[in-house]
Amino acid sequence: MSTLRESVNNPEIRKKIFFSCLIVTVLCVLTLIPIPGLDRTAAMETAAGWGSVGMIIDILSFKAFENISIVSLGIYPFLVASIVMQIVTIAVPKLRNLAQTGDEGTKIITKYTKIASLIASGVFAVLYCVGMRDAVTTKINYWVGIVLCGITVAVGSAFCGWCVELLNNKGIGDGLTIIVVAGILRNIPHEIVKCFDAAGVLGVIPGLTYAVFGTIFVTGMLILTLLLNMGEKKLRIIFSKRTQGMKQFGMQNQVIPLKVTQAGITPVIYTMIVTLLPSAIIAMVAPLSDNVWLVSFKNMPSSLTYIPFFVVFLVFFVYIFSMMQFNPYDISSQIKENGGYIQGLRPGKQTSQYLMSVYSNLNSADCAYLIFVCIIPMILNAIPAFRGLAFGGIGLVLVSGGFIEMKTLLENAIKTEEEKLKQAGKDSRRKNYKK
């Protein structure tokens, strides 16, 4: 609360918070505007055939998918494009070298990601139209209706991707985190109503038991996620000083806080998007198919067969994104170059081995925590009384991790503004001194 209060009291940060809230509000309003060219009733029946895929895309789109809105696909095409570009950047040496050249290289990669996002919006809009081919309104020409639907959905998806970039540049921080967390929070009232309906069907005593168990389970999981997201290991770096005459030279000793969840919530988002892609394509192309295999693919994210795929990709993305945040070999080299060392360890190989063991231990703890919280609801979902809980663990991880990330971003913004004020004070004193 103190961080939020300080942020609101700062004019610059207050503007960023207001801008972020404005973007989220605009997206919520757009979810109420229907897609032109479609018969709303028929389109809603078709969307219901998307199965578990539709549930996830509905959350990512602020429930626009369920409303057959112009932003029905939300940020899903943008996420797919971002993941593809990150994989291509790592795989292609020229792009990998470009990404390591600094701000100029990052700008070029960002430009390519924007182009990929526009292409993805167009491709998924076409697939969406293929699925909605029987839901075109009869009030206008069929081809006019289907083309109008495709253009609208493509523009809506591109606009959602642009909103993510706006939040990154002018908002309080990570636009992807803000939109995903806001989408989950908007879906909470709907899930609470579903719980009450399930409790009503079960009867008074079983319903109360269900409600009490659910409350305890969710509260415990939320506390666990918050504690692990705030947990950190402090790494103390000692820098040796050299004396010349009456002066000492050298850097001050530093403490580097290493979070248990180094990778943040990005691995969960990327895992969900990658494992969902085949099911999403099938759901878009054949939403109303009665084929057993196609139906099982559409509902795979809420089945037990989904768990092994989810775990494999989750571990992969945790290690990838953790390495981006904390590279043991790079940090060891930097410590050695600056004349520093970790107490009890020699600079160089010993320091690298120690940092690698710390990196592995933290990542193992992060993987175990994410797997436990995300998978338990998926297993409980197999029990008829707990249907609908499959993505509850993922939601808890995203909400708790998102709030911790936003808190960190606000704290960094406060420090930045304070540094600017100090620098402005120093500059004004220099000017007065010169006068």
Protein backbone atom coordinates (compact mmCIF):
# COMPACT_ATOMS: atom_id res chain seq x y z
CA MET A 1 0.00 0.00 0.00
CA SER A 2 2.86 2.40 0.78
CA THR A 3 4.29 1.81 -2.71
CA LEU A 4 0.92 2.58 -4.31
CA ARG A 5 0.47 5.67 -2.15
CA GLU A 6 3.91 7.01 -3.09
CA SER A 7 3.22 6.25 -6.76
CA VAL A 8 -0.09 8.13 -6.72
CA ASN A 9 1.55 11.12 -5.00
CA ASN A 10 4.16 11.34 -7.76
CA PRO A 11 2.73 13.31 -10.77
CA GLU A 12 4.72 11.45 -13.45
CA ILE A 13 3.92 7.96 -12.13
CA ARG A 14 0.29 8.99 -11.53
CA LYS A 15 0.01 9.85 -15.24
CA LYS A 16 1.36 6.42 -16.18
CA ILE A 17 -1.08 4.66 -13.85
CA PHE A 18 -3.98 6.70 -15.23
CA PHE A 19 -2.90 5.91 -18.81
CA SER A 20 -2.70 2.17 -18.01
CA CYS A 21 -6.19 2.22 -16.47
CA LEU A 22 -7.48 4.12 -19.53
CA ILE A 23 -6.13 1.48 -21.94
CA VAL A 24 -7.67 -1.35 -19.91
CA THR A 25 -11.00 0.53 -19.79
CA VAL A 26 -10.95 1.02 -23.58
CA LEU A 27 -10.39 -2.72 -24.09
CA CYS A 28 -13.28 -3.50 -21.72
CA VAL A 29 -15.59 -1.16 -23.68
CA LEU A 30 -14.57 -2.76 -27.00
CA THR A 31 -15.67 -6.17 -25.69
CA LEU A 32 -19.26 -4.89 -25.87
CA ILE A 33 -19.15 -4.02 -29.60
CA PRO A 34 -20.35 -7.00 -31.74
CA ILE A 35 -18.65 -8.20 -34.91
CA PRO A 36 -20.48 -6.89 -38.00
CA GLY A 37 -21.51 -9.49 -40.55
CA LEU A 38 -22.30 -12.28 -38.05
CA ASP A 39 -25.58 -13.48 -36.61
CA ARG A 40 -24.90 -13.06 -32.88
CA THR A 41 -26.98 -16.04 -31.69
CA ALA A 42 -25.49 -18.46 -34.24
CA ALA A 43 -21.98 -17.12 -33.59
CA MET A 44 -22.34 -17.66 -29.83
CA GLU A 45 -23.43 -21.27 -30.45
CA THR A 46 -20.38 -21.75 -32.67
CA ALA A 47 -18.06 -20.18 -30.09
CA ALA A 48 -19.42 -22.57 -27.45
CA GLY A 49 -18.05 -25.44 -29.57
CA TRP A 50 -14.46 -24.26 -29.04
CA GLY A 51 -14.36 -26.17 -25.74
CA SER A 52 -11.49 -25.51 -23.34
CA VAL A 53 -9.67 -23.43 -25.94
CA GLY A 54 -12.54 -20.95 -25.95
CA MET A 55 -12.33 -20.62 -22.14
CA ILE A 56 -8.68 -19.55 -22.27
CA ILE A 57 -9.08 -17.16 -25.21
CA ASP A 58 -12.13 -15.70 -23.46
CA ILE A 59 -9.95 -14.79 -20.46
CA LEU A 60 -7.18 -13.35 -22.67
CA SER A 61 -9.75 -11.18 -24.46
CA PHE A 62 -11.60 -9.76 -21.38
CA LYS A 63 -14.55 -12.08 -22.18
CA ALA A 64 -14.81 -10.55 -25.66
CA PHE A 65 -14.74 -14.02 -27.25
CA GLU A 66 -17.92 -15.04 -25.43
CA ASN A 67 -19.59 -11.75 -26.44
CA ILE A 68 -18.59 -12.16 -30.12
CA SER A 69 -16.86 -8.80 -29.91
CA ILE A 70 -14.55 -7.05 -32.39
CA VAL A 71 -11.62 -7.95 -30.10
CA SER A 72 -12.67 -11.60 -29.77
CA LEU A 73 -9.14 -12.99 -30.18
CA GLY A 74 -7.65 -10.47 -27.73
CA ILE A 75 -3.86 -10.59 -27.40
CA TYR A 76 -3.62 -14.25 -28.50
CA PRO A 77 -2.23 -13.49 -32.02
CA PHE A 78 0.22 -10.98 -30.52
CA LEU A 79 1.45 -13.60 -28.03
CA VAL A 80 1.91 -16.22 -30.76
CA ALA A 81 3.85 -13.72 -32.90
CA SER A 82 6.05 -12.71 -29.94
CA ILE A 83 6.90 -16.32 -29.13
CA VAL A 84 7.71 -17.13 -32.77
CA MET A 85 9.95 -14.04 -33.02
CA GLN A 86 11.81 -14.93 -29.81
CA ILE A 87 12.44 -18.47 -31.07
CA VAL A 88 13.55 -17.17 -34.49
CA THR A 89 15.84 -14.58 -32.85
CA ILE A 90 17.55 -17.30 -30.81
CA ALA A 91 17.78 -19.71 -33.78
CA VAL A 92 19.01 -17.27 -36.48
CA PRO A 93 22.60 -16.06 -35.81
CA LYS A 94 22.12 -12.74 -37.67
CA LEU A 95 19.07 -11.81 -35.58
CA ARG A 96 20.75 -13.06 -32.39
CA ASN A 97 23.75 -10.80 -33.02
CA LEU A 98 21.41 -7.93 -33.87
CA ALA A 99 19.58 -8.33 -30.56
CA GLN A 100 22.89 -8.05 -28.70
CA THR A 101 23.94 -4.75 -30.32
CA GLY A 102 21.98 -2.58 -27.84
CA ASP A 103 19.04 -0.23 -28.27
CA GLU A 104 19.31 -0.01 -32.07
CA GLY A 105 19.15 -3.79 -32.42
CA THR A 106 16.26 -4.00 -29.97
CA LYS A 107 14.32 -1.42 -32.01
CA ILE A 108 14.78 -3.47 -35.18
CA ILE A 109 13.70 -6.69 -33.45
CA THR A 110 10.66 -4.84 -32.04
CA LYS A 111 9.81 -3.66 -35.57
CA TYR A 112 9.96 -7.24 -36.86
CA THR A 113 7.75 -8.36 -33.95
CA LYS A 114 5.15 -5.72 -34.92
CA ILE A 115 5.11 -7.01 -38.50
CA ALA A 116 4.81 -10.62 -37.25
CA SER A 117 1.94 -9.53 -34.98
CA LEU A 118 0.05 -8.01 -37.91
CA ILE A 119 0.58 -11.17 -39.98
CA ALA A 120 -0.60 -13.35 -37.05
CA SER A 121 -3.69 -11.16 -36.63
CA GLY A 122 -4.55 -11.67 -40.30
CA VAL A 123 -3.95 -15.44 -40.22
CA PHE A 124 -6.02 -16.02 -37.07
CA ALA A 125 -8.77 -13.74 -38.42
CA VAL A 126 -8.99 -15.97 -41.52
CA LEU A 127 -9.15 -19.10 -39.33
CA TYR A 128 -11.81 -17.43 -37.17
CA CYS A 129 -13.89 -16.70 -40.29
CA VAL A 130 -13.53 -20.31 -41.46
CA GLY A 131 -15.02 -21.45 -38.16
CA MET A 132 -17.80 -18.83 -38.30
CA ARG A 133 -18.72 -19.57 -41.93
CA ASP A 134 -22.18 -20.88 -40.95
CA ALA A 135 -22.89 -17.96 -38.59
CA VAL A 136 -22.88 -15.18 -41.23
CA THR A 137 -26.02 -13.06 -41.08
CA THR A 138 -28.56 -13.48 -43.89
CA LYS A 139 -29.36 -9.75 -43.95
CA ILE A 140 -26.40 -8.98 -46.25
CA ASN A 141 -24.48 -10.76 -49.00
CA TYR A 142 -22.62 -13.81 -47.64
CA TRP A 143 -19.17 -12.82 -48.96
CA VAL A 144 -19.59 -9.22 -47.82
CA GLY A 145 -20.44 -10.50 -44.34
CA ILE A 146 -17.51 -12.93 -44.09
CA VAL A 147 -14.98 -10.36 -45.40
CA LEU A 148 -16.35 -7.72 -43.02
CA CYS A 149 -15.99 -10.19 -40.15
CA GLY A 150 -12.39 -11.05 -41.08
CA ILE A 151 -11.25 -7.45 -41.43
CA THR A 152 -12.89 -6.46 -38.14
CA VAL A 153 -11.36 -9.36 -36.16
CA ALA A 154 -7.91 -8.75 -37.69
CA VAL A 155 -8.02 -5.03 -36.87
CA GLY A 156 -9.29 -5.79 -33.34
CA SER A 157 -6.43 -8.23 -32.68
CA ALA A 158 -3.86 -5.80 -34.07
CA PHE A 159 -5.29 -3.07 -31.84
CA CYS A 160 -4.88 -5.30 -28.76
CA GLY A 161 -1.23 -5.89 -29.68
CA TRP A 162 -0.75 -2.14 -30.11
CA CYS A 163 -2.24 -1.60 -26.65
CA VAL A 164 0.42 -3.91 -25.18
CA GLU A 165 3.13 -1.77 -26.80
CA LEU A 166 1.48 1.45 -25.56
CA LEU A 167 1.47 0.10 -22.01
CA ASN A 168 5.13 -0.89 -22.35
CA ASN A 169 6.15 2.58 -23.56
CA LYS A 170 3.78 4.95 -21.74
CA GLY A 171 2.20 2.87 -18.97
CA ILE A 172 3.56 1.65 -15.66
CA GLY A 173 5.45 -1.28 -17.17
CA ASP A 174 4.90 -4.71 -18.71
CA GLY A 175 1.77 -4.34 -20.86
CA LEU A 176 1.41 -8.08 -21.34
CA THR A 177 1.25 -8.68 -17.58
CA ILE A 178 -1.24 -5.85 -17.06
CA ILE A 179 -3.66 -7.10 -19.74
CA VAL A 180 -3.44 -10.77 -18.68
CA VAL A 181 -3.98 -9.95 -14.98
CA ALA A 182 -6.85 -7.57 -15.81
CA GLY A 183 -8.49 -10.28 -17.95
CA ILE A 184 -8.27 -12.83 -15.13
CA LEU A 185 -9.63 -10.35 -12.56
CA ARG A 186 -12.56 -9.56 -14.83
CA ASN A 187 -13.36 -13.27 -15.05
CA ILE A 188 -13.39 -13.82 -11.24
CA PRO A 189 -17.05 -12.75 -10.67
CA HIS A 190 -18.15 -15.18 -13.39
CA GLU A 191 -16.21 -18.02 -11.73
CA ILE A 192 -17.71 -17.19 -8.31
CA VAL A 193 -21.21 -17.43 -9.78
CA LYS A 194 -20.31 -20.82 -11.30
CA CYS A 195 -19.14 -22.03 -7.86
CA PHE A 196 -22.46 -20.99 -6.31
CA ASP A 197 -24.35 -22.81 -9.07
CA ALA A 198 -22.27 -25.95 -8.50
CA ALA A 199 -22.87 -25.72 -4.75
CA GLY A 200 -26.61 -25.36 -5.36
CA VAL A 201 -26.70 -28.51 -7.47
CA LEU A 202 -24.80 -30.51 -4.84
CA GLY A 203 -27.20 -29.60 -1.98
CA VAL A 204 -26.79 -27.68 1.28
CA ILE A 205 -24.25 -29.81 3.20
CA PRO A 206 -22.11 -30.89 0.23
CA GLY A 207 -22.37 -27.34 -1.14
CA LEU A 208 -21.09 -25.79 2.09
CA THR A 209 -18.29 -28.37 2.24
CA TYR A 210 -17.42 -27.54 -1.36
CA ALA A 211 -17.39 -23.79 -0.61
CA VAL A 212 -15.29 -24.14 2.58
CA PHE A 213 -12.79 -26.47 0.92
CA GLY A 214 -12.55 -24.17 -2.10
CA THR A 215 -11.95 -21.10 0.08
CA ILE A 216 -9.24 -22.81 2.13
CA PHE A 217 -7.59 -24.24 -0.97
CA VAL A 218 -7.55 -20.93 -2.86
CA THR A 219 -6.36 -18.97 0.19
CA GLY A 220 -3.54 -21.45 0.85
CA MET A 221 -2.45 -21.43 -2.79
CA LEU A 222 -2.54 -17.62 -2.91
CA ILE A 223 -0.38 -17.30 0.22
CA LEU A 224 2.07 -19.87 -1.19
CA THR A 225 2.38 -18.03 -4.51
CA LEU A 226 2.86 -14.63 -2.82
CA LEU A 227 5.53 -15.95 -0.42
CA LEU A 228 7.49 -17.65 -3.19
CA ASN A 229 7.21 -14.64 -5.49
CA MET A 230 8.64 -12.42 -2.74
CA GLY A 231 11.32 -14.95 -1.69
CA GLU A 232 14.92 -14.15 -2.63
CA LYS A 233 18.50 -15.15 -1.96
CA LYS A 234 20.93 -12.27 -1.33
CA LEU A 235 24.30 -12.62 -3.02
CA ARG A 236 27.01 -10.48 -1.40
CA ILE A 237 29.77 -9.27 -3.74
CA ILE A 238 32.95 -7.87 -2.13
CA PHE A 239 35.17 -5.55 -4.19
CA SER A 240 38.81 -5.19 -3.24
CA LYS A 241 40.13 -1.63 -2.89
CA ARG A 242 43.54 -0.31 -3.84
CA THR A 243 45.33 2.62 -2.20
CA GLN A 244 47.19 5.36 -4.05
CA GLY A 245 48.69 7.99 -1.81
CA MET A 246 46.02 9.10 0.64
CA LYS A 247 43.10 7.84 -1.48
CA GLN A 248 41.37 4.49 -1.88
CA PHE A 249 39.92 3.36 -5.20
CA GLY A 250 37.39 0.60 -5.86
CA MET A 251 33.70 -0.14 -6.06
CA GLN A 252 31.48 -0.40 -3.00
CA ASN A 253 30.40 -3.85 -1.83
CA GLN A 254 27.09 -4.89 -3.35
CA VAL A 255 24.24 -7.23 -2.48
CA ILE A 256 22.46 -8.78 -5.49
CA PRO A 257 18.97 -10.08 -4.60
CA LEU A 258 18.21 -13.25 -6.56
CA LYS A 259 14.49 -14.01 -6.66
CA VAL A 260 13.25 -17.58 -6.36
CA THR A 261 10.98 -16.89 -9.32
CA GLN A 262 13.64 -15.34 -11.57
CA ALA A 263 11.61 -15.93 -14.73
CA GLY A 264 8.42 -14.33 -13.36
CA ILE A 265 5.08 -15.28 -14.90
CA THR A 266 6.27 -15.22 -18.51
CA PRO A 267 7.00 -19.01 -18.66
CA VAL A 268 3.41 -19.80 -17.61
CA ILE A 269 1.96 -17.48 -20.26
CA TYR A 270 4.25 -18.82 -23.00
CA THR A 271 3.63 -22.44 -22.00
CA MET A 272 -0.11 -21.92 -22.10
CA ILE A 273 0.04 -20.27 -25.53
CA VAL A 274 2.39 -22.82 -27.13
CA THR A 275 0.57 -25.91 -25.84
CA LEU A 276 -2.76 -24.34 -26.78
CA LEU A 277 -1.84 -23.57 -30.41
CA PRO A 278 -2.75 -26.94 -32.08
CA SER A 279 -6.04 -27.10 -30.17
CA ALA A 280 -6.80 -23.46 -31.04
CA ILE A 281 -6.30 -24.06 -34.77
CA ILE A 282 -8.54 -27.13 -34.70
CA ALA A 283 -11.20 -25.29 -32.67
CA MET A 284 -11.18 -22.39 -35.13
CA VAL A 285 -11.43 -24.53 -38.25
CA ALA A 286 -13.93 -27.12 -36.97
CA PRO A 287 -15.78 -25.70 -33.92
CA LEU A 288 -18.95 -27.75 -34.35
CA SER A 289 -17.39 -31.05 -35.49
CA ASP A 290 -18.63 -34.24 -33.77
CA ASN A 291 -15.48 -36.17 -34.60
CA VAL A 292 -14.16 -37.80 -31.41
CA TRP A 293 -10.53 -36.93 -32.10
CA LEU A 294 -11.27 -33.29 -32.93
CA VAL A 295 -13.46 -32.88 -29.84
CA SER A 296 -10.73 -34.38 -27.64
CA PHE A 297 -8.16 -31.98 -29.15
CA LYS A 298 -10.39 -28.97 -28.46
CA ASN A 299 -10.86 -30.05 -24.85
CA MET A 300 -7.29 -31.30 -24.32
CA PRO A 301 -6.27 -28.27 -22.14
CA SER A 302 -8.74 -29.40 -19.47
CA SER A 303 -7.85 -33.12 -19.66
CA LEU A 304 -5.14 -35.13 -17.88
CA THR A 305 -3.30 -35.76 -21.18
CA TYR A 306 -2.47 -32.05 -21.26
CA ILE A 307 -0.39 -32.21 -18.07
CA PRO A 308 2.82 -33.86 -19.49
CA PHE A 309 2.99 -31.35 -22.37
CA PHE A 310 2.40 -28.46 -19.97
CA VAL A 311 5.15 -29.63 -17.59
CA VAL A 312 7.77 -30.14 -20.32
CA PHE A 313 7.23 -26.73 -21.91
CA LEU A 314 6.98 -25.03 -18.51
CA VAL A 315 10.38 -26.34 -17.38
CA PHE A 316 11.89 -25.38 -20.76
CA PHE A 317 10.62 -21.78 -20.62
CA VAL A 318 11.55 -21.36 -16.92
CA TYR A 319 15.19 -22.18 -17.67
CA ILE A 320 15.24 -20.03 -20.82
CA PHE A 321 13.81 -16.90 -19.19
CA SER A 322 15.80 -17.39 -16.00
CA MET A 323 19.00 -17.45 -18.06
CA MET A 324 17.93 -14.13 -19.62
CA GLN A 325 17.54 -12.58 -16.17
CA PHE A 326 20.51 -14.22 -14.43
CA ASN A 327 23.37 -15.65 -16.51
CA PRO A 328 25.92 -17.19 -14.07
CA TYR A 329 28.85 -17.03 -16.52
CA ASP A 330 28.27 -13.37 -17.46
CA ILE A 331 27.93 -12.31 -13.82
CA SER A 332 31.08 -14.25 -12.87
CA SER A 333 33.02 -12.50 -15.65
CA GLN A 334 31.75 -9.07 -14.59
CA ILE A 335 32.69 -9.71 -10.94
CA LYS A 336 36.21 -10.76 -11.94
CA GLU A 337 36.71 -7.81 -14.31
CA ASN A 338 35.71 -5.32 -11.59
CA GLY A 339 38.03 -6.86 -9.00
CA GLY A 340 35.28 -8.43 -6.94
CA TYR A 341 34.72 -11.81 -5.35
CA ILE A 342 32.23 -13.81 -3.29
CA GLN A 343 33.48 -14.46 0.23
CA GLY A 344 35.18 -17.86 0.46
CA LEU A 345 35.41 -18.29 -3.32
CA ARG A 346 38.12 -17.46 -5.83
CA PRO A 347 37.16 -15.32 -8.83
CA GLY A 348 36.79 -17.28 -12.03
CA LYS A 349 35.97 -20.98 -12.18
CA GLN A 350 34.94 -21.43 -8.51
CA THR A 351 32.64 -18.40 -8.67
CA SER A 352 31.09 -19.64 -11.93
CA GLN A 353 30.44 -23.10 -10.45
CA TYR A 354 28.90 -21.59 -7.31
CA LEU A 355 26.65 -19.23 -9.29
CA MET A 356 25.63 -22.11 -11.56
CA SER A 357 24.62 -24.21 -8.54
CA VAL A 358 22.63 -21.25 -7.15
CA TYR A 359 20.99 -20.78 -10.56
CA SER A 360 20.07 -24.50 -10.76
CA ASN A 361 18.68 -24.60 -7.20
CA LEU A 362 16.55 -21.48 -7.70
CA ASN A 363 15.23 -22.77 -11.02
CA SER A 364 14.42 -26.17 -9.52
CA ALA A 365 12.46 -24.47 -6.74
CA ASP A 366 10.70 -22.25 -9.28
CA CYS A 367 9.76 -25.23 -11.49
CA ALA A 368 8.53 -27.27 -8.50
CA TYR A 369 6.39 -24.37 -7.28
CA LEU A 370 4.86 -23.63 -10.70
CA ILE A 371 4.19 -27.30 -11.45
CA PHE A 372 2.57 -27.86 -8.06
CA VAL A 373 0.29 -24.81 -8.17
CA CYS A 374 -0.69 -25.22 -11.84
CA ILE A 375 -1.09 -29.00 -11.95
CA ILE A 376 -3.07 -29.66 -8.74
CA PRO A 377 -6.24 -27.91 -10.07
CA MET A 378 -5.83 -29.79 -13.39
CA ILE A 379 -5.86 -33.10 -11.50
CA LEU A 380 -8.83 -32.04 -9.35
CA ASN A 381 -10.67 -31.09 -12.55
CA ALA A 382 -10.94 -34.81 -13.36
CA ILE A 383 -13.33 -35.16 -10.37
CA PRO A 384 -16.90 -34.26 -11.48
CA ALA A 385 -17.52 -32.09 -8.38
CA PHE A 386 -14.50 -29.92 -9.22
CA ARG A 387 -15.10 -29.41 -12.94
CA GLY A 388 -14.03 -25.97 -14.07
CA LEU A 389 -10.92 -25.73 -11.84
CA ALA A 390 -8.44 -26.75 -14.55
CA PHE A 391 -7.00 -23.27 -15.07
CA GLY A 392 -7.48 -22.02 -11.50
CA GLY A 393 -3.84 -22.64 -10.55
CA ILE A 394 -2.57 -20.86 -13.65
CA GLY A 395 -4.82 -17.92 -12.79
CA LEU A 396 -3.44 -17.75 -9.23
CA VAL A 397 0.15 -17.78 -10.46
CA LEU A 398 -0.53 -15.07 -13.02
CA VAL A 399 -2.45 -12.79 -10.63
CA SER A 400 -0.03 -13.08 -7.68
CA GLY A 401 3.07 -12.91 -9.88
CA GLY A 402 1.58 -10.03 -11.87
CA PHE A 403 0.92 -7.96 -8.75
CA ILE A 404 4.47 -8.60 -7.46
CA GLU A 405 5.92 -7.58 -10.85
CA MET A 406 3.82 -4.41 -10.93
CA LYS A 407 4.91 -3.59 -7.35
CA THR A 408 8.54 -3.96 -8.41
CA LEU A 409 7.96 -1.78 -11.47
CA LEU A 410 6.35 0.94 -9.34
CA GLU A 411 9.24 0.84 -6.84
CA ASN A 412 11.75 1.18 -9.69
CA ALA A 413 9.75 4.07 -11.15
CA ILE A 414 9.74 5.83 -7.75
CA LYS A 415 13.52 5.43 -7.45
CA THR A 416 14.00 6.74 -11.00
CA GLU A 417 11.87 9.83 -10.30
CA GLU A 418 13.78 10.45 -7.05
CA GLU A 419 17.09 10.25 -8.91
CA LYS A 420 15.78 12.73 -11.49
CA LEU A 421 14.78 15.17 -8.74
CA LYS A 422 18.21 14.85 -7.08
CA GLN A 423 19.95 15.43 -10.40
CA ALA A 424 17.71 18.43 -11.13
CA GLY A 425 18.60 19.85 -7.69
CA LYS A 426 22.32 19.40 -8.36
CA ASP A 427 22.01 21.07 -11.77
CA SER A 428 20.14 24.06 -10.31
CA ARG A 429 22.80 24.47 -7.58
CA ARG A 430 25.55 24.40 -10.22
CA LYS A 431 23.78 27.10 -12.23
CA ASN A 432 23.40 29.29 -9.14
CA TYR A 433 27.07 28.76 -8.28
CA LYS A 434 28.17 29.80 -11.78
CA LYS A 435 26.07 32.96 -11.52
